Amino acid sequence: MPTKRAPDAEEELYHIQAEFCKGLAHPKRLLVLSALKEGEKTVNELAAATGIRQSNLSQHLAILRQLGILAKRRDGPKIYYSIADLRVVEACELVRETIREHLQRTNQLLRVAQP
């Protein structure tokens, strides 16, 4: 009977990466990141910029903060959210660009294949 080996550091890193990506795998969270790429915003400003209800937005912000994607800063009664590391936004934009190019190629192939 084969013995189960302990996961090595590389496997553990893949697991953490998958959990991180799962946290980003929601259109509204990606919308929040897009709204924050120009700079920090309050919850009210984010709600206005994204159209997400404040109660729902707070849940998404909590998940993004838990993953370390967002940082928050308090200034009196207001809390400002910002992106902790802009490389996350760059990675999301790279994925989005790749998807857009794939869709364009697919649409071109479909147009060529149609009689």
N, C-alpha and C. Protein backbone atom coordinates (compact mmCIF):
# COMPACT_ATOMS: atom_id res chain seq x y z
N MET A 1 0.84 -1.17 0.00
CA MET A 1 0.00 0.00 0.00
C MET A 1 0.89 1.24 0.00
N PRO A 2 0.68 2.17 -0.97
CA PRO A 2 1.53 3.35 -1.02
C PRO A 2 1.28 4.25 0.19
N THR A 3 2.36 4.82 0.68
CA THR A 3 2.22 5.74 1.80
C THR A 3 2.01 7.15 1.27
N LYS A 4 1.23 7.90 2.02
CA LYS A 4 0.96 9.28 1.63
C LYS A 4 2.12 10.15 2.11
N ARG A 5 2.73 10.86 1.17
CA ARG A 5 3.86 11.70 1.55
C ARG A 5 3.37 13.08 1.99
N ALA A 6 4.14 13.70 2.81
CA ALA A 6 3.81 15.05 3.28
C ALA A 6 3.97 16.03 2.13
N PRO A 7 3.08 17.00 2.04
CA PRO A 7 3.23 17.99 0.96
C PRO A 7 4.49 18.81 1.18
N ASP A 8 5.20 19.06 0.09
CA ASP A 8 6.40 19.87 0.22
C ASP A 8 6.03 21.35 0.13
N ALA A 9 7.01 22.19 0.30
CA ALA A 9 6.78 23.64 0.32
C ALA A 9 6.18 24.13 -0.99
N GLU A 10 6.61 23.55 -2.10
CA GLU A 10 6.09 23.98 -3.41
C GLU A 10 4.60 23.64 -3.55
N GLU A 11 4.22 22.46 -3.12
CA GLU A 11 2.81 22.07 -3.16
C GLU A 11 1.97 22.98 -2.26
N GLU A 12 2.50 23.30 -1.10
CA GLU A 12 1.79 24.19 -0.18
C GLU A 12 1.62 25.57 -0.80
N LEU A 13 2.63 26.04 -1.49
CA LEU A 13 2.53 27.32 -2.17
C LEU A 13 1.45 27.29 -3.25
N TYR A 14 1.34 26.18 -3.99
CA TYR A 14 0.27 26.04 -4.99
C TYR A 14 -1.10 26.08 -4.31
N HIS A 15 -1.21 25.44 -3.16
CA HIS A 15 -2.48 25.46 -2.42
C HIS A 15 -2.84 26.89 -2.01
N ILE A 16 -1.88 27.61 -1.49
CA ILE A 16 -2.11 29.00 -1.08
C ILE A 16 -2.47 29.86 -2.29
N GLN A 17 -1.79 29.62 -3.40
CA GLN A 17 -2.09 30.37 -4.62
C GLN A 17 -3.51 30.09 -5.09
N ALA A 18 -3.94 28.85 -5.03
CA ALA A 18 -5.30 28.50 -5.44
C ALA A 18 -6.33 29.19 -4.55
N GLU A 19 -6.09 29.22 -3.26
CA GLU A 19 -7.01 29.90 -2.33
C GLU A 19 -7.05 31.40 -2.64
N PHE A 20 -5.91 31.98 -2.93
CA PHE A 20 -5.81 33.40 -3.29
C PHE A 20 -6.64 33.68 -4.54
N CYS A 21 -6.46 32.82 -5.56
CA CYS A 21 -7.21 32.99 -6.81
C CYS A 21 -8.70 32.80 -6.60
N LYS A 22 -9.09 31.87 -5.72
CA LYS A 22 -10.51 31.70 -5.41
C LYS A 22 -11.09 32.98 -4.83
N GLY A 23 -10.30 33.65 -4.01
CA GLY A 23 -10.76 34.91 -3.42
C GLY A 23 -10.98 36.00 -4.46
N LEU A 24 -10.23 35.94 -5.54
CA LEU A 24 -10.40 36.91 -6.62
C LEU A 24 -11.48 36.49 -7.62
N ALA A 25 -11.95 35.27 -7.50
CA ALA A 25 -12.85 34.70 -8.50
C ALA A 25 -14.29 35.14 -8.31
N HIS A 26 -14.49 36.44 -8.26
CA HIS A 26 -15.84 36.99 -8.18
C HIS A 26 -15.84 38.32 -8.93
N PRO A 27 -16.77 38.50 -9.86
CA PRO A 27 -16.77 39.72 -10.68
C PRO A 27 -16.82 41.00 -9.85
N LYS A 28 -17.55 40.99 -8.75
CA LYS A 28 -17.65 42.21 -7.95
C LYS A 28 -16.34 42.53 -7.25
N ARG A 29 -15.59 41.53 -6.85
CA ARG A 29 -14.28 41.78 -6.23
C ARG A 29 -13.31 42.35 -7.25
N LEU A 30 -13.38 41.85 -8.48
CA LEU A 30 -12.54 42.40 -9.54
C LEU A 30 -12.94 43.84 -9.85
N LEU A 31 -14.22 44.12 -9.78
CA LEU A 31 -14.72 45.49 -9.99
C LEU A 31 -14.21 46.42 -8.89
N VAL A 32 -14.18 45.94 -7.66
CA VAL A 32 -13.64 46.72 -6.54
C VAL A 32 -12.17 47.03 -6.79
N LEU A 33 -11.40 46.03 -7.20
CA LEU A 33 -9.99 46.26 -7.48
C LEU A 33 -9.80 47.29 -8.59
N SER A 34 -10.62 47.21 -9.60
CA SER A 34 -10.54 48.17 -10.69
C SER A 34 -10.83 49.58 -10.19
N ALA A 35 -11.82 49.71 -9.31
CA ALA A 35 -12.17 51.03 -8.77
C ALA A 35 -11.06 51.58 -7.88
N LEU A 36 -10.29 50.70 -7.26
CA LEU A 36 -9.24 51.13 -6.34
C LEU A 36 -7.88 51.34 -7.00
N LYS A 37 -7.75 50.98 -8.27
CA LYS A 37 -6.42 51.07 -8.88
C LYS A 37 -5.94 52.52 -9.03
N GLU A 38 -6.85 53.47 -8.99
CA GLU A 38 -6.46 54.88 -9.09
C GLU A 38 -6.15 55.49 -7.72
N GLY A 39 -6.47 54.77 -6.66
CA GLY A 39 -6.17 55.29 -5.32
C GLY A 39 -7.22 54.87 -4.32
N GLU A 40 -6.95 55.20 -3.06
CA GLU A 40 -7.83 54.75 -1.98
C GLU A 40 -9.20 55.42 -2.04
N LYS A 41 -10.17 54.70 -1.49
CA LYS A 41 -11.56 55.18 -1.47
C LYS A 41 -12.23 54.70 -0.18
N THR A 42 -13.24 55.45 0.24
CA THR A 42 -14.07 55.01 1.36
C THR A 42 -15.09 54.00 0.85
N VAL A 43 -15.77 53.36 1.78
CA VAL A 43 -16.82 52.40 1.39
C VAL A 43 -17.90 53.12 0.58
N ASN A 44 -18.30 54.32 1.01
CA ASN A 44 -19.33 55.06 0.26
C ASN A 44 -18.86 55.39 -1.15
N GLU A 45 -17.60 55.79 -1.29
CA GLU A 45 -17.07 56.09 -2.62
C GLU A 45 -17.02 54.83 -3.48
N LEU A 46 -16.63 53.71 -2.87
CA LEU A 46 -16.60 52.45 -3.61
C LEU A 46 -18.00 52.00 -4.03
N ALA A 47 -18.95 52.17 -3.13
CA ALA A 47 -20.33 51.79 -3.45
C ALA A 47 -20.83 52.62 -4.64
N ALA A 48 -20.53 53.92 -4.63
CA ALA A 48 -20.96 54.79 -5.72
C ALA A 48 -20.24 54.43 -7.03
N ALA A 49 -18.95 54.11 -6.93
CA ALA A 49 -18.16 53.80 -8.13
C ALA A 49 -18.52 52.46 -8.75
N THR A 50 -18.94 51.50 -7.92
CA THR A 50 -19.18 50.14 -8.42
C THR A 50 -20.65 49.78 -8.55
N GLY A 51 -21.52 50.50 -7.85
CA GLY A 51 -22.94 50.16 -7.86
C GLY A 51 -23.27 48.98 -6.96
N ILE A 52 -22.33 48.59 -6.11
CA ILE A 52 -22.55 47.47 -5.19
C ILE A 52 -23.14 48.03 -3.90
N ARG A 53 -24.21 47.39 -3.41
CA ARG A 53 -24.81 47.81 -2.13
C ARG A 53 -23.77 47.73 -1.02
N GLN A 54 -23.85 48.67 -0.09
CA GLN A 54 -22.84 48.78 0.95
C GLN A 54 -22.72 47.51 1.79
N SER A 55 -23.83 46.86 2.11
CA SER A 55 -23.77 45.64 2.92
C SER A 55 -23.04 44.52 2.18
N ASN A 56 -23.32 44.40 0.90
CA ASN A 56 -22.64 43.39 0.07
C ASN A 56 -21.18 43.76 -0.15
N LEU A 57 -20.93 45.03 -0.36
CA LEU A 57 -19.57 45.53 -0.57
C LEU A 57 -18.69 45.22 0.64
N SER A 58 -19.22 45.40 1.83
CA SER A 58 -18.45 45.13 3.05
C SER A 58 -17.99 43.69 3.11
N GLN A 59 -18.83 42.76 2.66
CA GLN A 59 -18.44 41.34 2.64
C GLN A 59 -17.28 41.11 1.67
N HIS A 60 -17.36 41.72 0.49
CA HIS A 60 -16.29 41.56 -0.49
C HIS A 60 -14.99 42.21 0.00
N LEU A 61 -15.10 43.36 0.63
CA LEU A 61 -13.91 44.03 1.17
C LEU A 61 -13.25 43.17 2.25
N ALA A 62 -14.06 42.54 3.08
CA ALA A 62 -13.52 41.69 4.14
C ALA A 62 -12.73 40.52 3.56
N ILE A 63 -13.25 39.91 2.51
CA ILE A 63 -12.55 38.79 1.87
C ILE A 63 -11.23 39.26 1.26
N LEU A 64 -11.26 40.38 0.57
CA LEU A 64 -10.05 40.91 -0.05
C LEU A 64 -9.02 41.32 1.01
N ARG A 65 -9.48 41.84 2.12
CA ARG A 65 -8.56 42.18 3.21
C ARG A 65 -7.97 40.93 3.84
N GLN A 66 -8.80 39.91 4.03
CA GLN A 66 -8.34 38.65 4.63
C GLN A 66 -7.23 38.02 3.77
N LEU A 67 -7.34 38.18 2.47
CA LEU A 67 -6.33 37.64 1.55
C LEU A 67 -5.08 38.51 1.48
N GLY A 68 -5.13 39.68 2.10
CA GLY A 68 -3.99 40.59 2.06
C GLY A 68 -3.93 41.43 0.81
N ILE A 69 -5.01 41.44 0.03
CA ILE A 69 -5.05 42.19 -1.22
C ILE A 69 -5.32 43.66 -0.95
N LEU A 70 -6.13 43.94 0.06
CA LEU A 70 -6.48 45.32 0.40
C LEU A 70 -5.89 45.71 1.74
N ALA A 71 -5.63 46.99 1.87
CA ALA A 71 -5.24 47.59 3.15
C ALA A 71 -6.31 48.60 3.52
N LYS A 72 -6.42 48.90 4.81
CA LYS A 72 -7.38 49.93 5.20
C LYS A 72 -6.70 50.90 6.15
N ARG A 73 -7.19 52.14 6.11
CA ARG A 73 -6.65 53.21 6.92
C ARG A 73 -7.82 53.99 7.49
N ARG A 74 -7.75 54.28 8.78
CA ARG A 74 -8.81 55.05 9.42
C ARG A 74 -8.38 56.50 9.54
N ASP A 75 -9.30 57.39 9.18
CA ASP A 75 -9.09 58.82 9.35
C ASP A 75 -10.35 59.37 9.99
N GLY A 76 -10.33 59.48 11.32
CA GLY A 76 -11.55 59.87 12.05
C GLY A 76 -12.59 58.80 11.88
N PRO A 77 -13.80 59.19 11.49
CA PRO A 77 -14.87 58.19 11.33
C PRO A 77 -14.81 57.43 10.00
N LYS A 78 -13.97 57.90 9.08
CA LYS A 78 -13.92 57.27 7.75
C LYS A 78 -12.82 56.22 7.69
N ILE A 79 -13.13 55.15 6.94
CA ILE A 79 -12.14 54.11 6.67
C ILE A 79 -11.86 54.13 5.17
N TYR A 80 -10.60 54.21 4.83
CA TYR A 80 -10.17 54.23 3.44
C TYR A 80 -9.56 52.88 3.08
N TYR A 81 -9.94 52.37 1.92
CA TYR A 81 -9.40 51.11 1.41
C TYR A 81 -8.47 51.40 0.25
N SER A 82 -7.42 50.60 0.16
CA SER A 82 -6.48 50.72 -0.95
C SER A 82 -5.94 49.34 -1.29
N ILE A 83 -5.29 49.25 -2.41
CA ILE A 83 -4.68 47.99 -2.84
C ILE A 83 -3.33 47.87 -2.15
N ALA A 84 -3.11 46.76 -1.49
CA ALA A 84 -1.87 46.56 -0.73
C ALA A 84 -0.66 46.38 -1.64
N ASP A 85 -0.85 45.75 -2.79
CA ASP A 85 0.25 45.51 -3.72
C ASP A 85 -0.31 45.61 -5.14
N LEU A 86 0.10 46.63 -5.86
CA LEU A 86 -0.45 46.87 -7.20
C LEU A 86 -0.13 45.76 -8.19
N ARG A 87 0.79 44.87 -7.86
CA ARG A 87 1.07 43.75 -8.77
C ARG A 87 -0.16 42.85 -8.93
N VAL A 88 -1.03 42.83 -7.91
CA VAL A 88 -2.26 42.04 -8.02
C VAL A 88 -3.13 42.62 -9.14
N VAL A 89 -3.24 43.94 -9.20
CA VAL A 89 -4.02 44.58 -10.26
C VAL A 89 -3.37 44.31 -11.61
N GLU A 90 -2.05 44.40 -11.69
CA GLU A 90 -1.35 44.12 -12.94
C GLU A 90 -1.61 42.69 -13.39
N ALA A 91 -1.58 41.74 -12.46
CA ALA A 91 -1.85 40.34 -12.81
C ALA A 91 -3.28 40.17 -13.32
N CYS A 92 -4.24 40.82 -12.65
CA CYS A 92 -5.64 40.73 -13.09
C CYS A 92 -5.82 41.34 -14.47
N GLU A 93 -5.15 42.46 -14.72
CA GLU A 93 -5.24 43.10 -16.03
C GLU A 93 -4.61 42.24 -17.12
N LEU A 94 -3.52 41.55 -16.79
CA LEU A 94 -2.87 40.65 -17.74
C LEU A 94 -3.81 39.49 -18.10
N VAL A 95 -4.45 38.92 -17.11
CA VAL A 95 -5.40 37.83 -17.35
C VAL A 95 -6.56 38.35 -18.21
N ARG A 96 -7.08 39.53 -17.89
CA ARG A 96 -8.20 40.12 -18.64
C ARG A 96 -7.80 40.36 -20.10
N GLU A 97 -6.59 40.87 -20.30
CA GLU A 97 -6.09 41.12 -21.66
C GLU A 97 -5.96 39.80 -22.43
N THR A 98 -5.46 38.78 -21.78
CA THR A 98 -5.32 37.46 -22.40
C THR A 98 -6.69 36.92 -22.82
N ILE A 99 -7.68 37.07 -21.95
CA ILE A 99 -9.04 36.61 -22.25
C ILE A 99 -9.61 37.39 -23.43
N ARG A 100 -9.42 38.71 -23.41
CA ARG A 100 -9.93 39.56 -24.49
C ARG A 100 -9.32 39.13 -25.84
N GLU A 101 -8.02 38.89 -25.86
CA GLU A 101 -7.36 38.47 -27.11
C GLU A 101 -7.85 37.10 -27.55
N HIS A 102 -8.04 36.20 -26.60
CA HIS A 102 -8.56 34.88 -26.94
C HIS A 102 -9.96 35.00 -27.56
N LEU A 103 -10.80 35.82 -26.96
CA LEU A 103 -12.16 36.02 -27.50
C LEU A 103 -12.12 36.63 -28.89
N GLN A 104 -11.22 37.56 -29.11
CA GLN A 104 -11.10 38.17 -30.44
C GLN A 104 -10.67 37.13 -31.47
N ARG A 105 -9.68 36.29 -31.11
CA ARG A 105 -9.24 35.24 -32.04
C ARG A 105 -10.38 34.26 -32.32
N THR A 106 -11.10 33.89 -31.26
CA THR A 106 -12.21 32.94 -31.41
C THR A 106 -13.29 33.53 -32.31
N ASN A 107 -13.61 34.80 -32.10
CA ASN A 107 -14.63 35.45 -32.94
C ASN A 107 -14.17 35.54 -34.38
N GLN A 108 -12.88 35.79 -34.61
CA GLN A 108 -12.37 35.83 -35.98
C GLN A 108 -12.48 34.46 -36.63
N LEU A 109 -12.16 33.42 -35.88
CA LEU A 109 -12.28 32.07 -36.42
C LEU A 109 -13.72 31.73 -36.74
N LEU A 110 -14.64 32.16 -35.88
CA LEU A 110 -16.06 31.88 -36.13
C LEU A 110 -16.54 32.61 -37.38
N ARG A 111 -16.08 33.84 -37.59
CA ARG A 111 -16.50 34.60 -38.78
C ARG A 111 -15.94 33.94 -40.07
N VAL A 112 -14.72 33.45 -39.99
CA VAL A 112 -14.10 32.80 -41.17
C VAL A 112 -14.82 31.49 -41.46
N ALA A 113 -15.22 30.77 -40.42
CA ALA A 113 -15.86 29.46 -40.60
C ALA A 113 -17.29 29.56 -41.08
N GLN A 114 -17.93 30.72 -40.90
CA GLN A 114 -19.34 30.84 -41.32
C GLN A 114 -19.41 31.05 -42.82
N PRO A 115 -20.35 30.35 -43.48
CA PRO A 115 -20.47 30.49 -44.95
C PRO A 115 -21.10 31.82 -45.35
